[in-house]
Amino acid sequence: MGFFSKDIKSLDDLFIHMLREIYYAEEQIERTLPKMIGEATDPQLKAGFEKHLEQTRGHIDRVEQVFELHGVKAKAINCPAIDGILEEADEVSGDVGDKEVLDAALIASAQAVEHYEITRYGTLIAWARQLGRSDCANVLAKNLKEEQATDRKLTEIAENRINLLAA
């Protein structure tokens, strides 16, 4: 069996399928971030995760808005990709004993999540535009912009502080 359901026969079907996957992903991220906040020891990293938790709640609201704009029911479907990324993050953080190294591991895991979201939102925006749904693309672009900003902030925290402490 392929990656996608046999019910996907059009770009619109594919758009809805991936929208449901990112909806699931955002919900899983919302559930995971409190644990990452609790594990982070660097105050700047902890604050960054707290800010991203609030943004993630907004991302969920925006994805729901896109479902509504597109005239389909907001429904999450399992996304094995994000499940794998989050499972790996949990395993890695459980294996790290040093708090500075743990913060570096948390950043690496968070960036893996961000990069997944960036690729998905970029694809969804392109498809929405192709489908003539600039309204949906514009809403999704807000999520993409925040995901990219979070990724840049994580890089800045890692390169200016966390990686130095971990070394």
N, C-alpha and C. Protein backbone atom coordinates (compact mmCIF):
# COMPACT_ATOMS: atom_id res chain seq x y z
N MET A 1 0.85 -1.18 0.00
CA MET A 1 0.00 0.00 0.00
C MET A 1 0.88 1.24 0.00
N GLY A 2 0.46 2.28 -0.65
CA GLY A 2 1.22 3.52 -0.75
C GLY A 2 1.12 4.36 0.50
N PHE A 3 1.72 5.52 0.41
CA PHE A 3 1.73 6.44 1.55
C PHE A 3 0.36 7.02 1.83
N PHE A 4 -0.46 7.18 0.80
CA PHE A 4 -1.73 7.87 0.96
C PHE A 4 -2.90 6.94 0.66
N SER A 5 -4.05 7.35 1.10
CA SER A 5 -5.27 6.60 0.89
C SER A 5 -5.63 6.53 -0.60
N LYS A 6 -6.26 5.44 -0.96
CA LYS A 6 -6.71 5.28 -2.35
C LYS A 6 -7.86 6.25 -2.66
N ASP A 7 -8.41 6.88 -1.62
CA ASP A 7 -9.49 7.85 -1.81
C ASP A 7 -8.98 9.18 -2.34
N ILE A 8 -7.69 9.35 -2.43
CA ILE A 8 -7.12 10.60 -2.92
C ILE A 8 -7.03 10.50 -4.44
N LYS A 9 -7.87 11.29 -5.09
CA LYS A 9 -7.94 11.25 -6.54
C LYS A 9 -7.63 12.60 -7.19
N SER A 10 -7.50 13.63 -6.36
CA SER A 10 -7.28 14.96 -6.90
C SER A 10 -6.34 15.74 -5.98
N LEU A 11 -5.86 16.86 -6.49
CA LEU A 11 -5.01 17.72 -5.66
C LEU A 11 -5.80 18.23 -4.46
N ASP A 12 -7.08 18.48 -4.65
CA ASP A 12 -7.92 18.92 -3.54
C ASP A 12 -7.99 17.85 -2.46
N ASP A 13 -8.16 16.60 -2.87
CA ASP A 13 -8.17 15.49 -1.90
C ASP A 13 -6.84 15.41 -1.15
N LEU A 14 -5.76 15.58 -1.88
CA LEU A 14 -4.43 15.53 -1.28
C LEU A 14 -4.23 16.69 -0.30
N PHE A 15 -4.72 17.86 -0.69
CA PHE A 15 -4.65 19.05 0.18
C PHE A 15 -5.37 18.77 1.50
N ILE A 16 -6.57 18.24 1.44
CA ILE A 16 -7.34 17.95 2.65
C ILE A 16 -6.63 16.88 3.48
N HIS A 17 -6.10 15.86 2.82
CA HIS A 17 -5.38 14.80 3.54
C HIS A 17 -4.20 15.38 4.33
N MET A 18 -3.40 16.20 3.66
CA MET A 18 -2.23 16.76 4.34
C MET A 18 -2.64 17.78 5.40
N LEU A 19 -3.72 18.50 5.16
CA LEU A 19 -4.23 19.44 6.17
C LEU A 19 -4.63 18.67 7.43
N ARG A 20 -5.22 17.51 7.24
CA ARG A 20 -5.61 16.68 8.40
C ARG A 20 -4.38 16.13 9.12
N GLU A 21 -3.32 15.83 8.37
CA GLU A 21 -2.07 15.37 9.00
C GLU A 21 -1.41 16.49 9.81
N ILE A 22 -1.37 17.70 9.26
CA ILE A 22 -0.72 18.80 10.00
C ILE A 22 -1.57 19.18 11.22
N TYR A 23 -2.86 19.01 11.11
CA TYR A 23 -3.75 19.25 12.25
C TYR A 23 -3.40 18.28 13.38
N TYR A 24 -3.26 17.02 13.04
CA TYR A 24 -2.84 16.01 14.00
C TYR A 24 -1.46 16.37 14.57
N ALA A 25 -0.55 16.74 13.70
CA ALA A 25 0.81 17.06 14.13
C ALA A 25 0.79 18.21 15.14
N GLU A 26 0.05 19.26 14.82
CA GLU A 26 -0.01 20.41 15.75
C GLU A 26 -0.61 19.99 17.09
N GLU A 27 -1.61 19.14 17.07
CA GLU A 27 -2.20 18.66 18.32
C GLU A 27 -1.19 17.86 19.14
N GLN A 28 -0.40 17.02 18.47
CA GLN A 28 0.62 16.23 19.16
C GLN A 28 1.72 17.13 19.73
N ILE A 29 2.09 18.13 18.97
CA ILE A 29 3.11 19.08 19.43
C ILE A 29 2.60 19.84 20.65
N GLU A 30 1.33 20.23 20.62
CA GLU A 30 0.75 20.92 21.78
C GLU A 30 0.81 20.04 23.03
N ARG A 31 0.63 18.75 22.85
CA ARG A 31 0.69 17.82 23.98
C ARG A 31 2.12 17.57 24.46
N THR A 32 3.10 17.67 23.56
CA THR A 32 4.49 17.35 23.86
C THR A 32 5.26 18.53 24.46
N LEU A 33 4.93 19.74 24.03
CA LEU A 33 5.70 20.90 24.47
C LEU A 33 5.75 21.09 25.99
N PRO A 34 4.68 20.84 26.75
CA PRO A 34 4.80 21.00 28.20
C PRO A 34 5.90 20.12 28.82
N LYS A 35 6.08 18.91 28.29
CA LYS A 35 7.15 18.04 28.78
C LYS A 35 8.52 18.64 28.45
N MET A 36 8.65 19.18 27.24
CA MET A 36 9.92 19.80 26.84
C MET A 36 10.20 21.04 27.70
N ILE A 37 9.17 21.79 28.01
CA ILE A 37 9.32 22.96 28.89
C ILE A 37 9.83 22.49 30.25
N GLY A 38 9.26 21.40 30.75
CA GLY A 38 9.68 20.87 32.05
C GLY A 38 11.09 20.33 32.06
N GLU A 39 11.55 19.81 30.92
CA GLU A 39 12.90 19.24 30.84
C GLU A 39 13.97 20.30 30.59
N ALA A 40 13.62 21.39 29.93
CA ALA A 40 14.61 22.43 29.60
C ALA A 40 15.12 23.08 30.88
N THR A 41 16.43 23.30 30.93
CA THR A 41 17.00 23.93 32.12
C THR A 41 17.43 25.37 31.85
N ASP A 42 17.73 25.69 30.61
CA ASP A 42 18.12 27.05 30.26
C ASP A 42 16.88 27.95 30.24
N PRO A 43 16.90 29.06 30.97
CA PRO A 43 15.71 29.92 31.04
C PRO A 43 15.27 30.47 29.67
N GLN A 44 16.22 30.79 28.81
CA GLN A 44 15.87 31.32 27.50
C GLN A 44 15.20 30.23 26.64
N LEU A 45 15.70 29.03 26.73
CA LEU A 45 15.12 27.91 26.00
C LEU A 45 13.72 27.61 26.53
N LYS A 46 13.58 27.56 27.84
CA LYS A 46 12.28 27.30 28.46
C LYS A 46 11.27 28.36 28.02
N ALA A 47 11.67 29.62 28.02
CA ALA A 47 10.78 30.71 27.59
C ALA A 47 10.42 30.57 26.11
N GLY A 48 11.38 30.16 25.30
CA GLY A 48 11.11 29.94 23.88
C GLY A 48 10.10 28.84 23.66
N PHE A 49 10.22 27.76 24.42
CA PHE A 49 9.26 26.66 24.31
C PHE A 49 7.87 27.10 24.78
N GLU A 50 7.83 27.90 25.85
CA GLU A 50 6.54 28.40 26.34
C GLU A 50 5.87 29.28 25.29
N LYS A 51 6.66 30.15 24.64
CA LYS A 51 6.11 30.99 23.58
C LYS A 51 5.60 30.14 22.43
N HIS A 52 6.35 29.10 22.09
CA HIS A 52 5.94 28.27 20.96
C HIS A 52 4.69 27.45 21.29
N LEU A 53 4.50 27.11 22.55
CA LEU A 53 3.27 26.42 22.94
C LEU A 53 2.07 27.32 22.65
N GLU A 54 2.17 28.58 23.01
CA GLU A 54 1.08 29.52 22.72
C GLU A 54 0.88 29.66 21.21
N GLN A 55 1.97 29.74 20.45
CA GLN A 55 1.86 29.83 19.00
C GLN A 55 1.21 28.58 18.43
N THR A 56 1.57 27.43 18.97
CA THR A 56 1.01 26.17 18.48
C THR A 56 -0.51 26.15 18.64
N ARG A 57 -0.98 26.68 19.74
CA ARG A 57 -2.44 26.77 19.94
C ARG A 57 -3.06 27.65 18.86
N GLY A 58 -2.37 28.71 18.50
CA GLY A 58 -2.83 29.57 17.40
C GLY A 58 -2.76 28.85 16.06
N HIS A 59 -1.75 28.01 15.87
CA HIS A 59 -1.63 27.24 14.63
C HIS A 59 -2.82 26.30 14.48
N ILE A 60 -3.20 25.67 15.57
CA ILE A 60 -4.36 24.78 15.56
C ILE A 60 -5.61 25.56 15.16
N ASP A 61 -5.79 26.72 15.76
CA ASP A 61 -6.95 27.56 15.42
C ASP A 61 -6.94 27.94 13.94
N ARG A 62 -5.76 28.27 13.41
CA ARG A 62 -5.69 28.65 11.99
C ARG A 62 -5.97 27.47 11.07
N VAL A 63 -5.46 26.30 11.42
CA VAL A 63 -5.74 25.12 10.60
C VAL A 63 -7.25 24.85 10.62
N GLU A 64 -7.88 25.00 11.77
CA GLU A 64 -9.33 24.84 11.84
C GLU A 64 -10.03 25.88 10.96
N GLN A 65 -9.50 27.08 10.93
CA GLN A 65 -10.05 28.13 10.07
C GLN A 65 -9.95 27.73 8.60
N VAL A 66 -8.83 27.12 8.20
CA VAL A 66 -8.65 26.69 6.82
C VAL A 66 -9.66 25.59 6.47
N PHE A 67 -9.87 24.66 7.39
CA PHE A 67 -10.90 23.64 7.16
C PHE A 67 -12.24 24.32 6.88
N GLU A 68 -12.58 25.28 7.72
CA GLU A 68 -13.86 25.98 7.58
C GLU A 68 -13.93 26.74 6.25
N LEU A 69 -12.87 27.46 5.91
CA LEU A 69 -12.83 28.19 4.64
C LEU A 69 -13.01 27.24 3.45
N HIS A 70 -12.42 26.07 3.59
CA HIS A 70 -12.44 25.10 2.49
C HIS A 70 -13.74 24.28 2.47
N GLY A 71 -14.54 24.43 3.51
CA GLY A 71 -15.83 23.76 3.55
C GLY A 71 -15.78 22.29 3.91
N VAL A 72 -14.77 21.91 4.69
CA VAL A 72 -14.68 20.52 5.15
C VAL A 72 -14.56 20.49 6.67
N LYS A 73 -14.94 19.36 7.22
CA LYS A 73 -14.90 19.19 8.67
C LYS A 73 -13.45 19.11 9.15
N ALA A 74 -13.17 19.82 10.23
CA ALA A 74 -11.84 19.74 10.85
C ALA A 74 -11.70 18.35 11.48
N LYS A 75 -10.75 17.61 10.98
CA LYS A 75 -10.54 16.23 11.44
C LYS A 75 -9.06 15.90 11.32
N ALA A 76 -8.52 15.37 12.39
CA ALA A 76 -7.11 14.96 12.38
C ALA A 76 -7.01 13.52 11.92
N ILE A 77 -5.95 13.23 11.17
CA ILE A 77 -5.64 11.84 10.85
C ILE A 77 -4.20 11.57 11.28
N ASN A 78 -3.96 10.35 11.66
CA ASN A 78 -2.65 9.96 12.16
C ASN A 78 -1.55 10.36 11.18
N CYS A 79 -0.48 10.90 11.74
CA CYS A 79 0.68 11.30 10.95
C CYS A 79 1.90 10.57 11.50
N PRO A 80 2.28 9.46 10.87
CA PRO A 80 3.41 8.68 11.37
C PRO A 80 4.72 9.48 11.40
N ALA A 81 4.87 10.45 10.51
CA ALA A 81 6.11 11.23 10.47
C ALA A 81 6.30 12.00 11.78
N ILE A 82 5.29 12.72 12.23
CA ILE A 82 5.45 13.51 13.46
C ILE A 82 5.53 12.57 14.66
N ASP A 83 4.79 11.47 14.61
CA ASP A 83 4.89 10.50 15.72
C ASP A 83 6.32 10.01 15.87
N GLY A 84 6.98 9.72 14.75
CA GLY A 84 8.36 9.25 14.78
C GLY A 84 9.32 10.31 15.29
N ILE A 85 9.14 11.53 14.85
CA ILE A 85 10.01 12.63 15.29
C ILE A 85 9.85 12.84 16.79
N LEU A 86 8.62 12.83 17.29
CA LEU A 86 8.38 13.06 18.71
C LEU A 86 8.84 11.87 19.55
N GLU A 87 8.69 10.66 19.03
CA GLU A 87 9.16 9.47 19.75
C GLU A 87 10.69 9.50 19.88
N GLU A 88 11.35 9.85 18.79
CA GLU A 88 12.80 9.95 18.83
C GLU A 88 13.25 11.02 19.83
N ALA A 89 12.57 12.15 19.84
CA ALA A 89 12.90 13.22 20.78
C ALA A 89 12.79 12.74 22.22
N ASP A 90 11.75 12.00 22.50
CA ASP A 90 11.54 11.48 23.85
C ASP A 90 12.63 10.48 24.23
N GLU A 91 13.00 9.63 23.29
CA GLU A 91 14.05 8.64 23.55
C GLU A 91 15.39 9.32 23.79
N VAL A 92 15.73 10.29 22.96
CA VAL A 92 17.02 10.97 23.10
C VAL A 92 17.08 11.72 24.42
N SER A 93 16.03 12.44 24.76
CA SER A 93 16.07 13.21 26.01
C SER A 93 16.15 12.28 27.22
N GLY A 94 15.59 11.08 27.10
CA GLY A 94 15.69 10.12 28.20
C GLY A 94 17.08 9.53 28.36
N ASP A 95 17.90 9.61 27.32
CA ASP A 95 19.24 9.05 27.35
C ASP A 95 20.31 10.03 27.81
N VAL A 96 19.96 11.30 27.97
CA VAL A 96 20.95 12.34 28.28
C VAL A 96 20.94 12.64 29.77
N GLY A 97 22.12 12.58 30.37
CA GLY A 97 22.23 12.82 31.80
C GLY A 97 22.68 14.22 32.17
N ASP A 98 23.41 14.88 31.31
CA ASP A 98 23.95 16.21 31.59
C ASP A 98 22.93 17.27 31.16
N LYS A 99 22.64 18.25 32.04
CA LYS A 99 21.57 19.21 31.75
C LYS A 99 21.88 20.11 30.55
N GLU A 100 23.15 20.50 30.36
CA GLU A 100 23.49 21.34 29.21
C GLU A 100 23.37 20.55 27.90
N VAL A 101 23.77 19.29 27.95
CA VAL A 101 23.65 18.44 26.77
C VAL A 101 22.17 18.16 26.50
N LEU A 102 21.39 18.00 27.57
CA LEU A 102 19.95 17.80 27.40
C LEU A 102 19.33 19.00 26.68
N ASP A 103 19.70 20.21 27.05
CA ASP A 103 19.16 21.39 26.37
C ASP A 103 19.53 21.38 24.89
N ALA A 104 20.74 20.98 24.57
CA ALA A 104 21.15 20.89 23.16
C ALA A 104 20.33 19.83 22.43
N ALA A 105 20.08 18.70 23.09
CA ALA A 105 19.26 17.65 22.50
C ALA A 105 17.82 18.12 22.29
N LEU A 106 17.29 18.87 23.25
CA LEU A 106 15.93 19.39 23.12
C LEU A 106 15.81 20.34 21.93
N ILE A 107 16.83 21.18 21.75
CA ILE A 107 16.81 22.09 20.60
C ILE A 107 16.85 21.30 19.30
N ALA A 108 17.71 20.29 19.23
CA ALA A 108 17.79 19.48 18.02
C ALA A 108 16.45 18.82 17.72
N SER A 109 15.81 18.31 18.74
CA SER A 109 14.50 17.67 18.56
C SER A 109 13.45 18.68 18.13
N ALA A 110 13.46 19.84 18.76
CA ALA A 110 12.49 20.89 18.41
C ALA A 110 12.69 21.34 16.97
N GLN A 111 13.95 21.43 16.53
CA GLN A 111 14.19 21.84 15.15
C GLN A 111 13.77 20.77 14.16
N ALA A 112 13.86 19.50 14.52
CA ALA A 112 13.36 18.45 13.64
C ALA A 112 11.85 18.63 13.45
N VAL A 113 11.16 18.95 14.52
CA VAL A 113 9.72 19.21 14.45
C VAL A 113 9.46 20.44 13.57
N GLU A 114 10.19 21.51 13.81
CA GLU A 114 10.00 22.75 13.03
C GLU A 114 10.22 22.50 11.55
N HIS A 115 11.26 21.77 11.22
CA HIS A 115 11.56 21.52 9.80
C HIS A 115 10.45 20.71 9.14
N TYR A 116 9.90 19.74 9.86
CA TYR A 116 8.76 18.99 9.34
C TYR A 116 7.59 19.94 9.06
N GLU A 117 7.28 20.79 10.05
CA GLU A 117 6.15 21.71 9.88
C GLU A 117 6.40 22.69 8.74
N ILE A 118 7.60 23.18 8.63
CA ILE A 118 7.93 24.13 7.55
C ILE A 118 7.70 23.48 6.19
N THR A 119 8.12 22.25 6.02
CA THR A 119 7.92 21.59 4.72
C THR A 119 6.43 21.38 4.45
N ARG A 120 5.70 20.98 5.44
CA ARG A 120 4.26 20.72 5.25
C ARG A 120 3.50 22.01 4.95
N TYR A 121 3.78 23.05 5.72
CA TYR A 121 3.06 24.31 5.47
C TYR A 121 3.43 24.88 4.10
N GLY A 122 4.69 24.78 3.71
CA GLY A 122 5.10 25.26 2.40
C GLY A 122 4.35 24.54 1.29
N THR A 123 4.23 23.23 1.42
CA THR A 123 3.51 22.43 0.43
C THR A 123 2.02 22.79 0.42
N LEU A 124 1.42 22.88 1.59
CA LEU A 124 0.00 23.22 1.67
C LEU A 124 -0.29 24.59 1.05
N ILE A 125 0.59 25.54 1.28
CA ILE A 125 0.41 26.88 0.71
C ILE A 125 0.47 26.82 -0.81
N ALA A 126 1.44 26.09 -1.34
CA ALA A 126 1.57 25.96 -2.80
C ALA A 126 0.33 25.29 -3.39
N TRP A 127 -0.14 24.25 -2.74
CA TRP A 127 -1.33 23.56 -3.25
C TRP A 127 -2.57 24.44 -3.15
N ALA A 128 -2.71 25.16 -2.04
CA ALA A 128 -3.87 26.05 -1.89
C ALA A 128 -3.89 27.09 -3.01
N ARG A 129 -2.74 27.65 -3.30
CA ARG A 129 -2.67 28.63 -4.39
C ARG A 129 -3.03 27.98 -5.74
N GLN A 130 -2.52 26.78 -5.98
CA GLN A 130 -2.82 26.08 -7.22
C GLN A 130 -4.32 25.80 -7.34
N LEU A 131 -4.96 25.57 -6.21
CA LEU A 131 -6.39 25.29 -6.20
C LEU A 131 -7.23 26.57 -6.22
N GLY A 132 -6.57 27.72 -6.31
CA GLY A 132 -7.29 28.99 -6.34
C GLY A 132 -7.79 29.42 -4.97
N ARG A 133 -7.15 28.90 -3.93
CA ARG A 133 -7.58 29.20 -2.56
C ARG A 133 -6.54 30.07 -1.85
N SER A 134 -6.40 31.28 -2.36
CA SER A 134 -5.45 32.21 -1.73
C SER A 134 -5.88 32.54 -0.31
N ASP A 135 -7.18 32.46 -0.02
CA ASP A 135 -7.65 32.69 1.35
C ASP A 135 -7.03 31.66 2.30
N CYS A 136 -7.05 30.40 1.90
CA CYS A 136 -6.45 29.34 2.72
C CYS A 136 -4.93 29.50 2.78
N ALA A 137 -4.32 29.82 1.64
CA ALA A 137 -2.86 30.00 1.58
C ALA A 137 -2.43 31.12 2.52
N ASN A 138 -3.16 32.20 2.57
CA ASN A 138 -2.79 33.33 3.41
C ASN A 138 -2.85 32.98 4.90
N VAL A 139 -3.83 32.19 5.29
CA VAL A 139 -3.93 31.75 6.68
C VAL A 139 -2.77 30.81 7.02
N LEU A 140 -2.51 29.86 6.15
CA LEU A 140 -1.41 28.91 6.38
C LEU A 140 -0.05 29.61 6.38
N ALA A 141 0.07 30.67 5.61
CA ALA A 141 1.34 31.42 5.55
C ALA A 141 1.68 32.03 6.90
N LYS A 142 0.69 32.37 7.69
CA LYS A 142 0.95 32.90 9.03
C LYS A 142 1.61 31.83 9.90
N ASN A 143 1.12 30.60 9.79
CA ASN A 143 1.75 29.50 10.54
C ASN A 143 3.17 29.27 10.07
N LEU A 144 3.36 29.26 8.75
CA LEU A 144 4.70 29.05 8.19
C LEU A 144 5.67 30.11 8.70
N LYS A 145 5.26 31.35 8.67
CA LYS A 145 6.13 32.45 9.13
C LYS A 145 6.54 32.26 10.59
N GLU A 146 5.60 31.85 11.43
CA GLU A 146 5.93 31.62 12.84
C GLU A 146 6.85 30.41 13.02
N GLU A 147 6.62 29.36 12.24
CA GLU A 147 7.48 28.17 12.33
C GLU A 147 8.91 28.53 11.92
N GLN A 148 9.05 29.30 10.86
CA GLN A 148 10.39 29.71 10.41
C GLN A 148 11.07 30.59 11.45
N ALA A 149 10.32 31.48 12.07
CA ALA A 149 10.88 32.35 13.10
C ALA A 149 11.32 31.54 14.32
N THR A 150 10.53 30.54 14.68
CA THR A 150 10.90 29.68 15.80
C THR A 150 12.17 28.91 15.50
N ASP A 151 12.28 28.40 14.28
CA ASP A 151 13.49 27.69 13.88
C ASP A 151 14.72 28.59 13.97
N ARG A 152 14.59 29.82 13.48
CA ARG A 152 15.73 30.76 13.56
C ARG A 152 16.09 31.07 15.01
N LYS A 153 15.08 31.24 15.86
CA LYS A 153 15.33 31.53 17.28
C LYS A 153 16.03 30.35 17.96
N LEU A 154 15.61 29.14 17.64
CA LEU A 154 16.26 27.96 18.22
C LEU A 154 17.72 27.88 17.79
N THR A 155 17.99 28.19 16.53
CA THR A 155 19.37 28.20 16.04
C THR A 155 20.19 29.24 16.80
N GLU A 156 19.62 30.40 16.99
CA GLU A 156 20.30 31.49 17.71
C GLU A 156 20.62 31.07 19.15
N ILE A 157 19.65 30.49 19.83
CA ILE A 157 19.86 30.05 21.22
C ILE A 157 20.94 28.97 21.25
N ALA A 158 20.88 28.04 20.32
CA ALA A 158 21.86 26.95 20.29
C ALA A 158 23.26 27.48 20.03
N GLU A 159 23.40 28.31 19.01
CA GLU A 159 24.73 28.76 18.60
C GLU A 159 25.34 29.78 19.56
N ASN A 160 24.51 30.58 20.21
CA ASN A 160 25.03 31.62 21.10
C ASN A 160 25.22 31.18 22.54
N ARG A 161 24.61 30.05 22.92
CA ARG A 161 24.68 29.69 24.32
C ARG A 161 24.71 28.17 24.56
N ILE A 162 23.67 27.50 24.16
CA ILE A 162 23.47 26.10 24.56
C ILE A 162 24.58 25.18 24.08
N ASN A 163 24.95 25.28 22.81
CA ASN A 163 26.00 24.40 22.29
C ASN A 163 27.33 24.66 22.98
N LEU A 164 27.60 25.91 23.32
CA LEU A 164 28.84 26.24 24.03
C LEU A 164 28.86 25.60 25.42
N LEU A 165 27.74 25.66 26.10
CA LEU A 165 27.65 25.06 27.44
C LEU A 165 27.74 23.53 27.36
N ALA A 166 27.13 22.96 26.33
CA ALA A 166 27.12 21.51 26.18
C ALA A 166 28.52 20.97 25.85
N ALA A 167 29.30 21.79 25.15
CA ALA A 167 30.66 21.36 24.76
C ALA A 167 31.56 21.34 25.97
